[in-house]
Amino acid sequence: MATLKQLVQIQSAIDKRAIAKDTLETLENNFYYSKSKKINIKFGDMHIDHFLRSLNLDTEKKDTRDLETARLILKQKKTLKKIERLLDELEG
């Protein structure tokens, strides 16, 4: 199986163009933590199917975090309203 870095190199040869500097930096400087291997893997060293799965996993994690954040915000808003109500009663 080809890695992302190898696929980018193949695309570069097909297009007869150099690989963009930021693309190379992304492949070398960004990592995915593999739970099964317990190591960080450079994006460039990942096989495309593993990379695509990792994107899906990150999206699922983000969706869960977004829901948890929304719940916390709602809880904080309710607490703030209670505090405001108590302050009004003390002032009134």
C-alpha atoms as a PDB file:
ATOM      1  CA  MET A   1       0.000   0.000   0.000  1.00  0.00           C
ATOM      2  CA  ALA A   2       1.225   3.485  -0.817  1.00  0.00           C
ATOM      3  CA  THR A   3       1.632   6.178   1.831  1.00  0.00           C
ATOM      4  CA  LEU A   4       0.252   9.687   1.460  1.00  0.00           C
ATOM      5  CA  LYS A   5       3.774  10.988   0.837  1.00  0.00           C
ATOM      6  CA  GLN A   6       4.270   8.446  -1.967  1.00  0.00           C
ATOM      7  CA  LEU A   7       0.911   9.324  -3.495  1.00  0.00           C
ATOM      8  CA  VAL A   8       1.791  13.032  -3.451  1.00  0.00           C
ATOM      9  CA  GLN A   9       5.106  12.203  -5.140  1.00  0.00           C
ATOM     10  CA  ILE A  10       3.274  10.198  -7.813  1.00  0.00           C
ATOM     11  CA  GLN A  11       0.855  13.096  -8.349  1.00  0.00           C
ATOM     12  CA  SER A  12       3.831  15.447  -8.636  1.00  0.00           C
ATOM     13  CA  ALA A  13       5.325  13.248 -11.369  1.00  0.00           C
ATOM     14  CA  ILE A  14       2.002  13.031 -13.221  1.00  0.00           C
ATOM     15  CA  ASP A  15       1.499  16.813 -13.053  1.00  0.00           C
ATOM     16  CA  LYS A  16       5.186  17.486 -13.793  1.00  0.00           C
ATOM     17  CA  ARG A  17       5.168  19.984 -10.930  1.00  0.00           C
ATOM     18  CA  ALA A  18       7.046  20.234  -7.670  1.00  0.00           C
ATOM     19  CA  ILE A  19       5.249  19.358  -4.478  1.00  0.00           C
ATOM     20  CA  ALA A  20       4.091  22.501  -2.697  1.00  0.00           C
ATOM     21  CA  LYS A  21       6.143  23.377   0.370  1.00  0.00           C
ATOM     22  CA  ASP A  22       3.082  23.565   2.642  1.00  0.00           C
ATOM     23  CA  THR A  23       1.973  20.122   1.459  1.00  0.00           C
ATOM     24  CA  LEU A  24       5.349  18.646   2.387  1.00  0.00           C
ATOM     25  CA  GLU A  25       5.222  20.426   5.749  1.00  0.00           C
ATOM     26  CA  THR A  26       1.741  19.047   6.413  1.00  0.00           C
ATOM     27  CA  LEU A  27       2.860  15.516   5.622  1.00  0.00           C
ATOM     28  CA  GLU A  28       5.959  15.814   7.834  1.00  0.00           C
ATOM     29  CA  ASN A  29       4.720  17.956  10.733  1.00  0.00           C
ATOM     30  CA  ASN A  30       1.232  16.618  11.418  1.00  0.00           C
ATOM     31  CA  PHE A  31       0.594  13.399  13.271  1.00  0.00           C
ATOM     32  CA  TYR A  32      -2.185  10.978  14.078  1.00  0.00           C
ATOM     33  CA  TYR A  33      -2.025   9.018  17.312  1.00  0.00           C
ATOM     34  CA  SER A  34      -2.547   5.321  16.631  1.00  0.00           C
ATOM     35  CA  LYS A  35      -4.310   3.714  19.587  1.00  0.00           C
ATOM     36  CA  SER A  36      -3.472   0.215  18.355  1.00  0.00           C
ATOM     37  CA  LYS A  37       0.255   0.948  17.874  1.00  0.00           C
ATOM     38  CA  LYS A  38       0.400   3.516  20.703  1.00  0.00           C
ATOM     39  CA  ILE A  39       2.564   5.864  18.627  1.00  0.00           C
ATOM     40  CA  ASN A  40       2.226   9.083  16.662  1.00  0.00           C
ATOM     41  CA  ILE A  41       2.297   8.516  12.916  1.00  0.00           C
ATOM     42  CA  LYS A  42       3.162  11.270  10.450  1.00  0.00           C
ATOM     43  CA  PHE A  43       0.371  11.984   7.986  1.00  0.00           C
ATOM     44  CA  GLY A  44       2.900  11.352   5.220  1.00  0.00           C
ATOM     45  CA  ASP A  45       3.560   7.832   6.521  1.00  0.00           C
ATOM     46  CA  MET A  46      -0.114   6.867   6.660  1.00  0.00           C
ATOM     47  CA  HIS A  47      -1.866   4.804   4.044  1.00  0.00           C
ATOM     48  CA  ILE A  48      -4.715   6.694   2.444  1.00  0.00           C
ATOM     49  CA  ASP A  49      -7.439   4.403   3.823  1.00  0.00           C
ATOM     50  CA  HIS A  50      -6.077   4.793   7.375  1.00  0.00           C
ATOM     51  CA  PHE A  51      -5.808   8.558   6.910  1.00  0.00           C
ATOM     52  CA  LEU A  52      -9.408   8.806   5.692  1.00  0.00           C
ATOM     53  CA  ARG A  53     -10.627   6.693   8.616  1.00  0.00           C
ATOM     54  CA  SER A  54      -8.725   8.935  11.024  1.00  0.00           C
ATOM     55  CA  LEU A  55     -10.518  11.971   9.606  1.00  0.00           C
ATOM     56  CA  ASN A  56     -13.840  10.266  10.226  1.00  0.00           C
ATOM     57  CA  LEU A  57     -12.825   9.380  13.800  1.00  0.00           C
ATOM     58  CA  ASP A  58     -11.752  12.966  14.466  1.00  0.00           C
ATOM     59  CA  THR A  59     -15.100  14.201  13.127  1.00  0.00           C
ATOM     60  CA  GLU A  60     -16.956  11.829  15.447  1.00  0.00           C
ATOM     61  CA  LYS A  61     -14.877  13.057  18.409  1.00  0.00           C
ATOM     62  CA  LYS A  62     -15.539  16.663  17.417  1.00  0.00           C
ATOM     63  CA  ASP A  63     -19.279  16.023  17.187  1.00  0.00           C
ATOM     64  CA  THR A  64     -19.234  14.512  20.681  1.00  0.00           C
ATOM     65  CA  ARG A  65     -17.223  17.451  22.049  1.00  0.00           C
ATOM     66  CA  ASP A  66     -19.600  19.905  20.394  1.00  0.00           C
ATOM     67  CA  LEU A  67     -22.604  18.235  22.054  1.00  0.00           C
ATOM     68  CA  GLU A  68     -20.893  18.190  25.436  1.00  0.00           C
ATOM     69  CA  THR A  69     -19.938  21.856  25.060  1.00  0.00           C
ATOM     70  CA  ALA A  70     -23.502  22.802  24.119  1.00  0.00           C
ATOM     71  CA  ARG A  71     -24.821  20.973  27.208  1.00  0.00           C
ATOM     72  CA  LEU A  72     -22.316  22.760  29.454  1.00  0.00           C
ATOM     73  CA  ILE A  73     -23.224  26.146  27.989  1.00  0.00           C
ATOM     74  CA  LEU A  74     -26.924  25.485  28.557  1.00  0.00           C
ATOM     75  CA  LYS A  75     -26.237  24.436  32.148  1.00  0.00           C
ATOM     76  CA  GLN A  76     -24.160  27.579  32.748  1.00  0.00           C
ATOM     77  CA  LYS A  77     -26.905  29.781  31.290  1.00  0.00           C
ATOM     78  CA  LYS A  78     -29.461  28.206  33.633  1.00  0.00           C
ATOM     79  CA  THR A  79     -27.131  28.734  36.595  1.00  0.00           C
ATOM     80  CA  LEU A  80     -26.597  32.364  35.579  1.00  0.00           C
ATOM     81  CA  LYS A  81     -30.360  32.952  35.423  1.00  0.00           C
ATOM     82  CA  LYS A  82     -30.739  31.495  38.935  1.00  0.00           C
ATOM     83  CA  ILE A  83     -27.976  33.777  40.217  1.00  0.00           C
ATOM     84  CA  GLU A  84     -29.569  36.806  38.543  1.00  0.00           C
ATOM     85  CA  ARG A  85     -32.942  35.884  40.075  1.00  0.00           C
ATOM     86  CA  LEU A  86     -31.384  35.537  43.544  1.00  0.00           C
ATOM     87  CA  LEU A  87     -29.613  38.886  43.161  1.00  0.00           C
ATOM     88  CA  ASP A  88     -32.890  40.523  42.122  1.00  0.00           C
ATOM     89  CA  GLU A  89     -34.589  39.077  45.222  1.00  0.00           C
ATOM     90  CA  LEU A  90     -31.803  40.406  47.469  1.00  0.00           C
ATOM     91  CA  GLU A  91     -31.995  43.865  45.904  1.00  0.00           C
ATOM     92  CA  GLY A  92     -35.827  43.929  45.828  1.00  0.00           C
END
